[in-house]
PDB file of N, CA and C in Angstrom:
ATOM      1  N   UNK A   1     -35.989 118.366   4.958  1.00  0.00           N
ATOM      2  CA  UNK A   1     -34.923 118.373   3.946  1.00  0.00           C
ATOM      3  C   UNK A   1     -35.146 116.962   3.108  1.00  0.00           C
ATOM      4  N   UNK A   2     -35.515 115.887   3.910  1.00  0.00           N
ATOM      5  CA  UNK A   2     -35.477 114.608   3.139  1.00  0.00           C
ATOM      6  C   UNK A   2     -36.569 114.585   2.088  1.00  0.00           C
ATOM      7  N   UNK A   3     -37.743 115.094   2.413  1.00  0.00           N
ATOM      8  CA  UNK A   3     -38.888 115.148   1.476  1.00  0.00           C
ATOM      9  C   UNK A   3     -38.502 116.047   0.238  1.00  0.00           C
ATOM     10  N   UNK A   4     -37.752 117.147   0.498  1.00  0.00           N
ATOM     11  CA  UNK A   4     -37.327 117.974  -0.559  1.00  0.00           C
ATOM     12  C   UNK A   4     -36.277 117.280  -1.393  1.00  0.00           C
ATOM     13  N   UNK A   5     -35.506 116.447  -0.883  1.00  0.00           N
ATOM     14  CA  UNK A   5     -34.452 115.659  -1.549  1.00  0.00           C
ATOM     15  C   UNK A   5     -35.162 114.636  -2.509  1.00  0.00           C
ATOM     16  N   UNK A   6     -36.182 114.037  -2.018  1.00  0.00           N
ATOM     17  CA  UNK A   6     -36.902 112.974  -2.828  1.00  0.00           C
ATOM     18  C   UNK A   6     -37.579 113.828  -3.985  1.00  0.00           C
ATOM     19  N   UNK A   7     -38.175 114.892  -3.704  1.00  0.00           N
ATOM     20  CA  UNK A   7     -38.859 115.704  -4.719  1.00  0.00           C
ATOM     21  C   UNK A   7     -37.915 116.103  -5.830  1.00  0.00           C
ATOM     22  N   UNK A   8     -36.652 116.563  -5.319  1.00  0.00           N
ATOM     23  CA  UNK A   8     -35.653 117.110  -6.290  1.00  0.00           C
ATOM     24  C   UNK A   8     -35.180 115.974  -7.272  1.00  0.00           C
ATOM     25  N   UNK A   9     -34.905 114.750  -6.577  1.00  0.00           N
ATOM     26  CA  UNK A   9     -34.524 113.570  -7.449  1.00  0.00           C
ATOM     27  C   UNK A   9     -35.617 113.167  -8.429  1.00  0.00           C
ATOM     28  N   UNK A  10     -36.844 113.257  -8.027  1.00  0.00           N
ATOM     29  CA  UNK A  10     -37.948 112.874  -8.928  1.00  0.00           C
ATOM     30  C   UNK A  10     -37.988 113.827 -10.054  1.00  0.00           C
ATOM     31  N   UNK A  11     -37.856 115.118  -9.738  1.00  0.00           N
ATOM     32  CA  UNK A  11     -37.939 116.113 -10.900  1.00  0.00           C
ATOM     33  C   UNK A  11     -36.800 115.925 -11.766  1.00  0.00           C
ATOM     34  N   UNK A  12     -35.676 115.679 -11.287  1.00  0.00           N
ATOM     35  CA  UNK A  12     -34.444 115.517 -12.170  1.00  0.00           C
ATOM     36  C   UNK A  12     -34.487 114.251 -13.120  1.00  0.00           C
ATOM     37  N   UNK A  13     -35.032 113.164 -12.487  1.00  0.00           N
ATOM     38  CA  UNK A  13     -35.068 111.840 -13.200  1.00  0.00           C
ATOM     39  C   UNK A  13     -36.412 111.583 -13.990  1.00  0.00           C
ATOM     40  N   UNK A  14     -37.422 112.420 -13.677  1.00  0.00           N
ATOM     41  CA  UNK A  14     -38.703 112.200 -14.322  1.00  0.00           C
ATOM     42  C   UNK A  14     -39.436 111.012 -13.643  1.00  0.00           C
ATOM     43  N   UNK A  15     -38.872 110.470 -12.651  1.00  0.00           N
ATOM     44  CA  UNK A  15     -39.522 109.369 -11.892  1.00  0.00           C
ATOM     45  C   UNK A  15     -39.029 109.454 -10.464  1.00  0.00           C
ATOM     46  N   UNK A  16     -39.803 108.999  -9.523  1.00  0.00           N
ATOM     47  CA  UNK A  16     -39.389 109.066  -8.039  1.00  0.00           C
ATOM     48  C   UNK A  16     -38.514 107.861  -7.828  1.00  0.00           C
ATOM     49  N   UNK A  17     -37.609 108.009  -6.743  1.00  0.00           N
ATOM     50  CA  UNK A  17     -36.894 106.823  -6.319  1.00  0.00           C
ATOM     51  C   UNK A  17     -37.740 105.738  -5.875  1.00  0.00           C
ATOM     52  N   UNK A  18     -38.836 106.013  -5.255  1.00  0.00           N
ATOM     53  CA  UNK A  18     -39.698 105.025  -4.804  1.00  0.00           C
ATOM     54  C   UNK A  18     -40.410 104.274  -5.863  1.00  0.00           C
ATOM     55  N   UNK A  19     -40.631 104.890  -6.988  1.00  0.00           N
ATOM     56  CA  UNK A  19     -41.127 104.231  -8.200  1.00  0.00           C
ATOM     57  C   UNK A  19     -40.140 103.218  -8.829  1.00  0.00           C
ATOM     58  N   UNK A  20     -38.936 103.507  -8.530  1.00  0.00           N
ATOM     59  CA  UNK A  20     -37.788 102.602  -8.903  1.00  0.00           C
ATOM     60  C   UNK A  20     -37.413 101.640  -7.863  1.00  0.00           C
ATOM     61  N   UNK A  21     -38.309 101.616  -6.772  1.00  0.00           N
ATOM     62  CA  UNK A  21     -38.118 100.781  -5.568  1.00  0.00           C
ATOM     63  C   UNK A  21     -36.875 100.966  -4.905  1.00  0.00           C
ATOM     64  N   UNK A  22     -36.583 102.343  -4.780  1.00  0.00           N
ATOM     65  CA  UNK A  22     -35.365 102.783  -4.057  1.00  0.00           C
ATOM     66  C   UNK A  22     -35.741 103.928  -3.059  1.00  0.00           C
ATOM     67  N   UNK A  23     -34.492 104.429  -2.577  1.00  0.00           N
ATOM     68  CA  UNK A  23     -34.527 105.573  -1.575  1.00  0.00           C
ATOM     69  C   UNK A  23     -33.513 106.520  -2.064  1.00  0.00           C
ATOM     70  N   UNK A  24     -33.571 107.775  -1.515  1.00  0.00           N
ATOM     71  CA  UNK A  24     -32.629 108.791  -1.838  1.00  0.00           C
ATOM     72  C   UNK A  24     -31.557 108.871  -0.670  1.00  0.00           C
ATOM     73  N   UNK A  25     -30.381 108.812  -1.115  1.00  0.00           N
ATOM     74  CA  UNK A  25     -29.190 108.854  -0.164  1.00  0.00           C
ATOM     75  C   UNK A  25     -28.419 110.196  -0.287  1.00  0.00           C
ATOM     76  N   UNK A  26     -28.175 110.881   0.812  1.00  0.00           N
ATOM     77  CA  UNK A  26     -27.312 112.050   0.848  1.00  0.00           C
ATOM     78  C   UNK A  26     -25.895 111.660   0.883  1.00  0.00           C
ATOM     79  N   UNK A  27     -25.053 111.965  -0.090  1.00  0.00           N
ATOM     80  CA  UNK A  27     -23.666 111.577  -0.108  1.00  0.00           C
ATOM     81  C   UNK A  27     -22.952 112.169   1.120  1.00  0.00           C
ATOM     82  N   UNK A  28     -23.106 113.427   1.319  1.00  0.00           N
ATOM     83  CA  UNK A  28     -22.735 114.098   2.642  1.00  0.00           C
ATOM     84  C   UNK A  28     -23.936 114.068   3.529  1.00  0.00           C
ATOM     85  N   UNK A  29     -23.867 113.354   4.598  1.00  0.00           N
ATOM     86  CA  UNK A  29     -24.977 113.205   5.467  1.00  0.00           C
ATOM     87  C   UNK A  29     -25.490 114.492   5.987  1.00  0.00           C
ATOM     88  N   UNK A  30     -26.882 114.548   6.151  1.00  0.00           N
ATOM     89  CA  UNK A  30     -27.486 115.815   6.728  1.00  0.00           C
ATOM     90  C   UNK A  30     -26.817 116.282   7.927  1.00  0.00           C
ATOM     91  N   UNK A  31     -26.363 115.294   8.745  1.00  0.00           N
ATOM     92  CA  UNK A  31     -25.797 115.606  10.150  1.00  0.00           C
ATOM     93  C   UNK A  31     -24.454 116.428   9.898  1.00  0.00           C
ATOM     94  N   UNK A  32     -23.838 116.383   8.703  1.00  0.00           N
ATOM     95  CA  UNK A  32     -22.662 117.160   8.504  1.00  0.00           C
ATOM     96  C   UNK A  32     -22.811 118.312   7.506  1.00  0.00           C
ATOM     97  N   UNK A  33     -24.107 118.623   7.125  1.00  0.00           N
ATOM     98  CA  UNK A  33     -24.286 119.656   6.098  1.00  0.00           C
ATOM     99  C   UNK A  33     -23.902 120.973   6.650  1.00  0.00           C
ATOM    100  N   UNK A  34     -23.835 121.183   7.894  1.00  0.00           N
ATOM    101  CA  UNK A  34     -23.411 122.489   8.429  1.00  0.00           C
ATOM    102  C   UNK A  34     -21.924 122.833   8.288  1.00  0.00           C
ATOM    103  N   UNK A  35     -21.101 121.702   7.979  1.00  0.00           N
ATOM    104  CA  UNK A  35     -19.743 121.911   7.697  1.00  0.00           C
ATOM    105  C   UNK A  35     -19.410 122.441   6.279  1.00  0.00           C
ATOM    106  N   UNK A  36     -20.432 122.477   5.467  1.00  0.00           N
ATOM    107  CA  UNK A  36     -20.236 122.910   4.045  1.00  0.00           C
ATOM    108  C   UNK A  36     -21.219 124.088   3.775  1.00  0.00           C
ATOM    109  N   UNK A  37     -20.668 125.049   2.905  1.00  0.00           N
ATOM    110  CA  UNK A  37     -21.529 126.129   2.411  1.00  0.00           C
ATOM    111  C   UNK A  37     -22.215 125.684   1.135  1.00  0.00           C
ATOM    112  N   UNK A  38     -22.958 124.645   1.163  1.00  0.00           N
ATOM    113  CA  UNK A  38     -23.684 124.149   0.002  1.00  0.00           C
ATOM    114  C   UNK A  38     -25.048 123.610   0.413  1.00  0.00           C
ATOM    115  N   UNK A  39     -26.050 123.725  -0.518  1.00  0.00           N
ATOM    116  CA  UNK A  39     -27.259 123.101  -0.294  1.00  0.00           C
ATOM    117  C   UNK A  39     -27.163 121.555  -0.058  1.00  0.00           C
ATOM    118  N   UNK A  40     -27.581 120.986   0.984  1.00  0.00           N
ATOM    119  CA  UNK A  40     -27.376 119.603   1.171  1.00  0.00           C
ATOM    120  C   UNK A  40     -28.350 118.738   0.155  1.00  0.00           C
ATOM    121  N   UNK A  41     -29.241 119.516  -0.418  1.00  0.00           N
ATOM    122  CA  UNK A  41     -30.123 118.862  -1.448  1.00  0.00           C
ATOM    123  C   UNK A  41     -29.787 119.147  -2.820  1.00  0.00           C
ATOM    124  N   UNK A  42     -28.518 119.586  -3.076  1.00  0.00           N
ATOM    125  CA  UNK A  42     -28.168 119.835  -4.498  1.00  0.00           C
ATOM    126  C   UNK A  42     -28.024 118.393  -5.156  1.00  0.00           C
ATOM    127  N   UNK A  43     -28.266 118.377  -6.370  1.00  0.00           N
ATOM    128  CA  UNK A  43     -28.288 117.063  -7.081  1.00  0.00           C
ATOM    129  C   UNK A  43     -27.043 116.271  -6.994  1.00  0.00           C
ATOM    130  N   UNK A  44     -25.857 116.962  -6.895  1.00  0.00           N
ATOM    131  CA  UNK A  44     -24.558 116.235  -6.807  1.00  0.00           C
ATOM    132  C   UNK A  44     -24.527 115.510  -5.520  1.00  0.00           C
ATOM    133  N   UNK A  45     -25.286 115.882  -4.503  1.00  0.00           N
ATOM    134  CA  UNK A  45     -25.217 115.233  -3.180  1.00  0.00           C
ATOM    135  C   UNK A  45     -26.353 114.138  -3.031  1.00  0.00           C
ATOM    136  N   UNK A  46     -27.161 114.010  -3.999  1.00  0.00           N
ATOM    137  CA  UNK A  46     -28.268 113.067  -3.848  1.00  0.00           C
ATOM    138  C   UNK A  46     -28.128 111.885  -4.928  1.00  0.00           C
ATOM    139  N   UNK A  47     -28.357 110.751  -4.321  1.00  0.00           N
ATOM    140  CA  UNK A  47     -28.282 109.452  -5.146  1.00  0.00           C
ATOM    141  C   UNK A  47     -29.351 108.555  -4.829  1.00  0.00           C
ATOM    142  N   UNK A  48     -30.149 108.264  -5.875  1.00  0.00           N
ATOM    143  CA  UNK A  48     -31.171 107.298  -5.777  1.00  0.00           C
ATOM    144  C   UNK A  48     -30.518 105.847  -5.657  1.00  0.00           C
ATOM    145  N   UNK A  49     -30.875 105.102  -4.582  1.00  0.00           N
ATOM    146  CA  UNK A  49     -30.274 103.796  -4.393  1.00  0.00           C
ATOM    147  C   UNK A  49     -31.293 102.712  -4.197  1.00  0.00           C
ATOM    148  N   UNK A  50     -30.918 101.542  -4.515  1.00  0.00           N
ATOM    149  CA  UNK A  50     -31.716 100.408  -4.099  1.00  0.00           C
ATOM    150  C   UNK A  50     -31.813 100.414  -2.629  1.00  0.00           C
ATOM    151  N   UNK A  51     -32.931  99.966  -2.090  1.00  0.00           N
ATOM    152  CA  UNK A  51     -33.189 100.121  -0.603  1.00  0.00           C
ATOM    153  C   UNK A  51     -32.145  99.264   0.138  1.00  0.00           C
ATOM    154  N   UNK A  52     -31.745  98.203  -0.378  1.00  0.00           N
ATOM    155  CA  UNK A  52     -30.644  97.328   0.291  1.00  0.00           C
ATOM    156  C   UNK A  52     -29.458  98.055   0.278  1.00  0.00           C
ATOM    157  N   UNK A  53     -29.076  98.819  -0.679  1.00  0.00           N
ATOM    158  CA  UNK A  53     -27.857  99.578  -0.687  1.00  0.00           C
ATOM    159  C   UNK A  53     -27.839 100.724   0.254  1.00  0.00           C
ATOM    160  N   UNK A  54     -29.051 101.341   0.338  1.00  0.00           N
ATOM    161  CA  UNK A  54     -29.246 102.453   1.258  1.00  0.00           C
ATOM    162  C   UNK A  54     -29.030 101.914   2.690  1.00  0.00           C
ATOM    163  N   UNK A  55     -29.409 100.824   3.013  1.00  0.00           N
ATOM    164  CA  UNK A  55     -29.134 100.196   4.341  1.00  0.00           C
ATOM    165  C   UNK A  55     -27.669 100.086   4.589  1.00  0.00           C
ATOM    166  N   UNK A  56     -26.990  99.635   3.562  1.00  0.00           N
ATOM    167  CA  UNK A  56     -25.501  99.508   3.632  1.00  0.00           C
ATOM    168  C   UNK A  56     -24.872 100.936   3.860  1.00  0.00           C
ATOM    169  N   UNK A  57     -25.329 101.902   3.087  1.00  0.00           N
ATOM    170  CA  UNK A  57     -24.807 103.173   3.170  1.00  0.00           C
ATOM    171  C   UNK A  57     -25.080 103.851   4.588  1.00  0.00           C
ATOM    172  N   UNK A  58     -26.285 103.520   5.186  1.00  0.00           N
ATOM    173  CA  UNK A  58     -26.559 104.025   6.443  1.00  0.00           C
ATOM    174  C   UNK A  58     -25.723 103.348   7.557  1.00  0.00           C
ATOM    175  N   UNK A  59     -25.410 102.100   7.469  1.00  0.00           N
ATOM    176  CA  UNK A  59     -24.606 101.403   8.337  1.00  0.00           C
ATOM    177  C   UNK A  59     -23.204 102.002   8.260  1.00  0.00           C
ATOM    178  N   UNK A  60     -22.651 102.136   7.078  1.00  0.00           N
ATOM    179  CA  UNK A  60     -21.341 102.731   6.923  1.00  0.00           C
ATOM    180  C   UNK A  60     -21.213 104.083   7.528  1.00  0.00           C
ATOM    181  N   UNK A  61     -22.291 104.973   7.409  1.00  0.00           N
ATOM    182  CA  UNK A  61     -22.394 106.293   8.018  1.00  0.00           C
ATOM    183  C   UNK A  61     -22.274 106.210   9.483  1.00  0.00           C
ATOM    184  N   UNK A  62     -23.125 105.158  10.043  1.00  0.00           N
ATOM    185  CA  UNK A  62     -23.165 105.025  11.494  1.00  0.00           C
ATOM    186  C   UNK A  62     -21.697 104.588  12.031  1.00  0.00           C
ATOM    187  N   UNK A  63     -20.973 103.763  11.297  1.00  0.00           N
ATOM    188  CA  UNK A  63     -19.621 103.309  11.655  1.00  0.00           C
ATOM    189  C   UNK A  63     -18.702 104.532  11.607  1.00  0.00           C
ATOM    190  N   UNK A  64     -18.891 105.392  10.575  1.00  0.00           N
ATOM    191  CA  UNK A  64     -17.993 106.544  10.481  1.00  0.00           C
ATOM    192  C   UNK A  64     -18.206 107.387  11.729  1.00  0.00           C
ATOM    193  N   UNK A  65     -19.400 107.651  12.094  1.00  0.00           N
ATOM    194  CA  UNK A  65     -19.829 108.494  13.212  1.00  0.00           C
ATOM    195  C   UNK A  65     -19.241 108.000  14.521  1.00  0.00           C
ATOM    196  N   UNK A  66     -19.393 106.565  14.644  1.00  0.00           N
ATOM    197  CA  UNK A  66     -18.756 105.919  15.852  1.00  0.00           C
ATOM    198  C   UNK A  66     -17.258 106.108  15.967  1.00  0.00           C
ATOM    199  N   UNK A  67     -16.597 105.959  14.805  1.00  0.00           N
ATOM    200  CA  UNK A  67     -15.208 106.162  14.843  1.00  0.00           C
ATOM    201  C   UNK A  67     -14.731 107.538  15.180  1.00  0.00           C
ATOM    202  N   UNK A  68     -15.522 108.526  15.011  1.00  0.00           N
ATOM    203  CA  UNK A  68     -15.292 109.907  15.319  1.00  0.00           C
ATOM    204  C   UNK A  68     -15.216 110.076  16.839  1.00  0.00           C
ATOM    205  N   UNK A  69     -15.830 109.080  17.643  1.00  0.00           N
ATOM    206  CA  UNK A  69     -15.989 109.209  19.089  1.00  0.00           C
ATOM    207  C   UNK A  69     -16.283 110.551  19.630  1.00  0.00           C
ATOM    208  N   UNK A  70     -17.334 111.209  18.968  1.00  0.00           N
ATOM    209  CA  UNK A  70     -17.923 112.466  19.526  1.00  0.00           C
ATOM    210  C   UNK A  70     -17.253 113.631  18.999  1.00  0.00           C
ATOM    211  N   UNK A  71     -16.193 113.615  18.287  1.00  0.00           N
ATOM    212  CA  UNK A  71     -15.623 114.825  17.723  1.00  0.00           C
ATOM    213  C   UNK A  71     -16.279 115.230  16.377  1.00  0.00           C
ATOM    214  N   UNK A  72     -16.160 116.460  15.960  1.00  0.00           N
ATOM    215  CA  UNK A  72     -16.759 116.804  14.734  1.00  0.00           C
ATOM    216  C   UNK A  72     -15.580 116.588  13.628  1.00  0.00           C
ATOM    217  N   UNK A  73     -16.075 115.972  12.522  1.00  0.00           N
ATOM    218  CA  UNK A  73     -15.036 115.683  11.481  1.00  0.00           C
ATOM    219  C   UNK A  73     -14.672 116.932  10.638  1.00  0.00           C
ATOM    220  N   UNK A  74     -13.594 116.923  10.101  1.00  0.00           N
ATOM    221  CA  UNK A  74     -13.183 117.968   9.142  1.00  0.00           C
ATOM    222  C   UNK A  74     -13.962 117.719   7.796  1.00  0.00           C
ATOM    223  N   UNK A  75     -14.004 118.804   6.953  1.00  0.00           N
ATOM    224  CA  UNK A  75     -14.632 118.648   5.686  1.00  0.00           C
ATOM    225  C   UNK A  75     -13.927 117.541   4.872  1.00  0.00           C
ATOM    226  N   UNK A  76     -12.682 117.500   5.023  1.00  0.00           N
ATOM    227  CA  UNK A  76     -11.889 116.498   4.150  1.00  0.00           C
ATOM    228  C   UNK A  76     -12.234 115.083   4.675  1.00  0.00           C
ATOM    229  N   UNK A  77     -12.407 114.896   5.992  1.00  0.00           N
ATOM    230  CA  UNK A  77     -12.843 113.543   6.388  1.00  0.00           C
ATOM    231  C   UNK A  77     -14.208 113.151   5.929  1.00  0.00           C
ATOM    232  N   UNK A  78     -15.116 114.153   5.954  1.00  0.00           N
ATOM    233  CA  UNK A  78     -16.401 113.764   5.424  1.00  0.00           C
ATOM    234  C   UNK A  78     -16.470 113.556   3.972  1.00  0.00           C
ATOM    235  N   UNK A  79     -15.685 114.269   3.157  1.00  0.00           N
ATOM    236  CA  UNK A  79     -15.596 114.071   1.760  1.00  0.00           C
ATOM    237  C   UNK A  79     -14.873 112.692   1.459  1.00  0.00           C
ATOM    238  N   UNK A  80     -13.744 112.359   2.173  1.00  0.00           N
ATOM    239  CA  UNK A  80     -13.172 111.141   2.013  1.00  0.00           C
ATOM    240  C   UNK A  80     -14.034 109.949   2.258  1.00  0.00           C
ATOM    241  N   UNK A  81     -14.877 110.074   3.368  1.00  0.00           N
ATOM    242  CA  UNK A  81     -15.869 109.030   3.658  1.00  0.00           C
ATOM    243  C   UNK A  81     -16.842 108.902   2.534  1.00  0.00           C
ATOM    244  N   UNK A  82     -17.391 110.008   1.979  1.00  0.00           N
ATOM    245  CA  UNK A  82     -18.366 110.003   0.965  1.00  0.00           C
ATOM    246  C   UNK A  82     -17.820 109.342  -0.354  1.00  0.00           C
ATOM    247  N   UNK A  83     -16.558 109.639  -0.607  1.00  0.00           N
ATOM    248  CA  UNK A  83     -15.901 109.036  -1.806  1.00  0.00           C
ATOM    249  C   UNK A  83     -15.712 107.520  -1.632  1.00  0.00           C
ATOM    250  N   UNK A  84     -15.304 107.078  -0.484  1.00  0.00           N
ATOM    251  CA  UNK A  84     -15.194 105.641  -0.192  1.00  0.00           C
ATOM    252  C   UNK A  84     -16.556 104.976  -0.430  1.00  0.00           C
ATOM    253  N   UNK A  85     -17.592 105.705   0.162  1.00  0.00           N
ATOM    254  CA  UNK A  85     -18.909 105.083   0.003  1.00  0.00           C
ATOM    255  C   UNK A  85     -19.442 105.069  -1.408  1.00  0.00           C
ATOM    256  N   UNK A  86     -19.092 106.094  -2.170  1.00  0.00           N
ATOM    257  CA  UNK A  86     -19.456 106.090  -3.596  1.00  0.00           C
ATOM    258  C   UNK A  86     -19.073 104.898  -4.372  1.00  0.00           C
ATOM    259  N   UNK A  87     -17.861 104.444  -4.020  1.00  0.00           N
ATOM    260  CA  UNK A  87     -17.240 103.273  -4.738  1.00  0.00           C
ATOM    261  C   UNK A  87     -18.080 101.985  -4.332  1.00  0.00           C
ATOM    262  N   UNK A  88     -18.483 102.039  -3.093  1.00  0.00           N
ATOM    263  CA  UNK A  88     -19.231 100.781  -2.598  1.00  0.00           C
ATOM    264  C   UNK A  88     -20.672 100.720  -3.190  1.00  0.00           C
ATOM    265  N   UNK A  89     -21.231 101.895  -3.309  1.00  0.00           N
ATOM    266  CA  UNK A  89     -22.718 101.975  -3.747  1.00  0.00           C
ATOM    267  C   UNK A  89     -22.967 102.179  -5.265  1.00  0.00           C
ATOM    268  N   UNK A  90     -21.852 102.512  -5.986  1.00  0.00           N
ATOM    269  CA  UNK A  90     -22.055 102.769  -7.479  1.00  0.00           C
ATOM    270  C   UNK A  90     -22.782 101.722  -8.221  1.00  0.00           C
ATOM    271  N   UNK A  91     -22.577 100.453  -7.995  1.00  0.00           N
ATOM    272  CA  UNK A  91     -23.339  99.453  -8.828  1.00  0.00           C
ATOM    273  C   UNK A  91     -24.748  99.498  -8.478  1.00  0.00           C
ATOM    274  N   UNK A  92     -25.312 100.095  -7.406  1.00  0.00           N
ATOM    275  CA  UNK A  92     -26.612 100.042  -6.992  1.00  0.00           C
ATOM    276  C   UNK A  92     -27.354 101.368  -7.092  1.00  0.00           C
ATOM    277  N   UNK A  93     -26.738 102.324  -7.796  1.00  0.00           N
ATOM    278  CA  UNK A  93     -27.515 103.558  -8.051  1.00  0.00           C
ATOM    279  C   UNK A  93     -28.615 103.345  -9.049  1.00  0.00           C
ATOM    280  N   UNK A  94     -29.763 103.820  -8.838  1.00  0.00           N
ATOM    281  CA  UNK A  94     -30.863 103.634  -9.662  1.00  0.00           C
ATOM    282  C   UNK A  94     -30.973 104.832 -10.660  1.00  0.00           C
ATOM    283  N   UNK A  95     -31.122 104.523 -12.009  1.00  0.00           N
ATOM    284  CA  UNK A  95     -31.233 105.549 -12.973  1.00  0.00           C
ATOM    285  C   UNK A  95     -32.490 105.103 -13.825  1.00  0.00           C
ATOM    286  N   UNK A  96     -33.305 106.240 -14.090  1.00  0.00           N
ATOM    287  CA  UNK A  96     -34.445 105.939 -14.872  1.00  0.00           C
ATOM    288  C   UNK A  96     -34.000 105.533 -16.325  1.00  0.00           C
ATOM    289  N   UNK A  97     -34.714 104.382 -16.700  1.00  0.00           N
ATOM    290  CA  UNK A  97     -34.458 103.977 -18.064  1.00  0.00           C
ATOM    291  C   UNK A  97     -33.276 102.910 -18.129  1.00  0.00           C
ATOM    292  N   UNK A  98     -32.688 102.638 -17.018  1.00  0.00           N
ATOM    293  CA  UNK A  98     -31.514 101.802 -16.952  1.00  0.00           C
ATOM    294  C   UNK A  98     -31.926 100.528 -16.151  1.00  0.00           C
ATOM    295  N   UNK A  99     -31.444  99.342 -16.578  1.00  0.00           N
ATOM    296  CA  UNK A  99     -31.908  98.151 -15.864  1.00  0.00           C
ATOM    297  C   UNK A  99     -31.272  98.189 -14.564  1.00  0.00           C
ATOM    298  N   UNK A 100     -32.067  97.564 -13.636  1.00  0.00           N
ATOM    299  CA  UNK A 100     -31.628  97.501 -12.282  1.00  0.00           C
ATOM    300  C   UNK A 100     -30.430  96.582 -12.127  1.00  0.00           C
ATOM    301  N   UNK A 101     -29.476  96.942 -11.182  1.00  0.00           N
ATOM    302  CA  UNK A 101     -28.409  96.163 -10.821  1.00  0.00           C
ATOM    303  C   UNK A 101     -28.807  94.879 -10.173  1.00  0.00           C
ATOM    304  N   UNK A 102     -27.803  93.895 -10.109  1.00  0.00           N
ATOM    305  CA  UNK A 102     -28.250  92.579  -9.458  1.00  0.00           C
ATOM    306  C   UNK A 102     -28.347  92.831  -8.012  1.00  0.00           C
ATOM    307  N   UNK A 103     -29.071  91.929  -7.258  1.00  0.00           N
ATOM    308  CA  UNK A 103     -29.338  92.022  -5.851  1.00  0.00           C
ATOM    309  C   UNK A 103     -27.990  92.052  -5.061  1.00  0.00           C
ATOM    310  N   UNK A 104     -28.041  92.685  -3.915  1.00  0.00           N
ATOM    311  CA  UNK A 104     -26.798  92.534  -3.057  1.00  0.00           C
ATOM    312  C   UNK A 104     -26.851  91.203  -2.379  1.00  0.00           C
ATOM    313  N   UNK A 105     -25.740  90.494  -2.300  1.00  0.00           N
ATOM    314  CA  UNK A 105     -25.675  89.172  -1.707  1.00  0.00           C
ATOM    315  C   UNK A 105     -25.840  89.263  -0.195  1.00  0.00           C
TER     316      UNK A 105
END
């Protein structure tokens, strides 16, 4: 699924995330994809990010999972987490033809 996500982002942007020195982030993590009746690799769920921001997003995901203490989250909890994370990572989304954002401190 990850390789397909990278390919889909590259096709949509005309340039790969790696060519922009970034990585592809799944807004709704693949581990929760089964909770939704949607393709986890739909463009609305894929975000090319600066590598540093992807590390931050991955850490936030790990914290979210730890806070669940082993229980399965609801769809609403997963989406609320994704929307909180969207606000955090928005300045670091990579877009073809748009100048890179400043580095993360």
